[in-house]
Protein backbone atom coordinates (compact mmCIF):
# COMPACT_ATOMS: atom_id res chain seq x y z
CA MET A 1 -30.94 -10.42 -28.89
CA ALA A 2 -29.35 -9.64 -25.79
CA LEU A 3 -29.58 -6.19 -24.03
CA VAL A 4 -26.46 -4.22 -23.51
CA LYS A 5 -25.73 -0.93 -21.89
CA CYS A 6 -24.61 1.88 -24.08
CA PRO A 7 -21.44 3.38 -22.65
CA HIS A 8 -22.36 6.84 -24.01
CA CYS A 9 -25.93 7.44 -23.04
CA ASN A 10 -26.13 4.47 -20.33
CA LYS A 11 -29.47 3.17 -21.75
CA GLU A 12 -30.18 -0.42 -22.24
CA VAL A 13 -30.44 -1.24 -25.93
CA GLU A 14 -30.34 -4.33 -28.01
CA GLU A 15 -26.94 -5.62 -29.13
CA ASN A 16 -26.27 -3.79 -32.34
CA LYS A 17 -23.26 -1.96 -33.97
CA PHE A 18 -24.85 1.32 -33.24
CA CYS A 19 -27.03 2.74 -30.41
CA PRO A 20 -30.46 3.69 -31.79
CA GLU A 21 -30.77 6.20 -28.83
CA CYS A 22 -27.54 8.24 -29.32
CA GLY A 23 -26.27 6.88 -32.65
CA LYS A 24 -22.81 6.05 -31.19
CA ILE A 25 -20.90 3.00 -32.13
CA LEU A 26 -21.26 0.14 -29.50
CA ILE A 27 -18.29 -1.99 -28.73
CA VAL A 28 -19.47 -5.25 -27.31
CA LYS A 29 -16.91 -7.47 -25.74
CA LYS A 30 -17.74 -11.13 -25.84
CA LYS A 31 -16.35 -13.37 -23.08
CA LYS A 32 -14.26 -16.16 -24.28
CA LYS A 33 -14.97 -19.49 -22.80
CA LEU A 34 -12.10 -21.85 -21.56
CA SER A 35 -11.60 -24.99 -23.56
CA LYS A 36 -11.63 -28.33 -21.81
CA PHE A 37 -7.86 -28.47 -22.39
CA ALA A 38 -7.33 -25.00 -20.65
CA LYS A 39 -9.53 -26.03 -17.79
CA ARG A 40 -7.63 -29.33 -17.32
CA ASN A 41 -4.34 -27.44 -17.29
CA ILE A 42 -5.56 -25.00 -14.70
CA ILE A 43 -6.64 -27.80 -12.48
CA PHE A 44 -3.49 -29.93 -13.03
CA PHE A 45 -1.20 -27.17 -12.19
CA SER A 46 -3.07 -26.03 -9.15
CA VAL A 47 -2.95 -29.57 -7.84
CA LEU A 48 0.71 -29.72 -8.73
CA LEU A 49 1.27 -26.43 -6.80
CA VAL A 50 -0.43 -27.70 -3.74
CA VAL A 51 1.45 -31.00 -3.75
CA ILE A 52 4.89 -29.26 -4.18
CA GLY A 53 3.96 -27.00 -1.36
CA ALA A 54 3.06 -29.87 0.85
CA VAL A 55 6.27 -31.52 0.12
CA ILE A 56 8.48 -28.58 0.75
CA THR A 57 6.66 -27.94 4.04
CA GLY A 58 7.01 -31.53 5.10
CA ALA A 59 10.74 -31.49 4.23
CA TYR A 60 11.19 -28.25 6.32
CA PHE A 61 9.57 -29.63 9.38
CA TYR A 62 11.41 -33.04 9.04
CA VAL A 63 14.77 -31.20 8.87
CA GLN A 64 13.75 -29.10 11.94
CA GLU A 65 12.77 -32.26 13.72
CA GLN A 66 16.27 -33.88 12.85
CA LYS A 67 18.03 -30.90 14.28
CA LYS A 68 16.43 -31.50 17.69
CA ILE A 69 17.90 -35.18 17.86
CA ASP A 70 20.44 -35.46 20.76
CA PRO A 71 23.70 -36.89 19.15
CA VAL A 72 24.55 -38.86 22.35
CA LYS A 73 21.14 -40.59 22.29
CA ALA A 74 21.10 -41.12 18.75
CA GLY A 75 24.35 -42.99 18.37
CA PRO A 76 26.37 -43.31 15.36
CA GLU A 77 23.45 -43.11 12.98
CA TYR A 78 23.10 -39.41 13.91
CA GLU A 79 26.29 -38.43 11.99
CA ASN A 80 25.01 -40.35 8.92
CA ILE A 81 21.74 -38.57 9.02
CA LYS A 82 23.41 -35.22 9.67
CA SER A 83 25.65 -35.62 6.65
CA ILE A 84 22.73 -36.67 4.40
CA LEU A 85 20.56 -33.52 5.49
CA ALA A 86 23.35 -30.96 5.66
CA PRO A 87 22.63 -29.82 2.07
CA LEU A 88 19.03 -29.18 2.98
CA ASP A 89 19.82 -27.00 6.08
CA PHE A 90 17.41 -24.21 6.20
């Protein structure tokens, strides 16, 4: 049996329902292990969060770079790009 620390007398005792030293009831919490499905979900959503963050960051910097384009040098294409990116204005 595993040794646990009694919360009442702070002595290490074997894992029982009662502490043999002080006689108090021991409450032993067992750690739950994550299933493979739960681990896979955590990994999936972590990767998804990183990808979404990268896409948002890339879009932000792309829009900022498009604002720097000189309309005279860009020609008529600039107005087309500007109208497309207008809803994404930060």
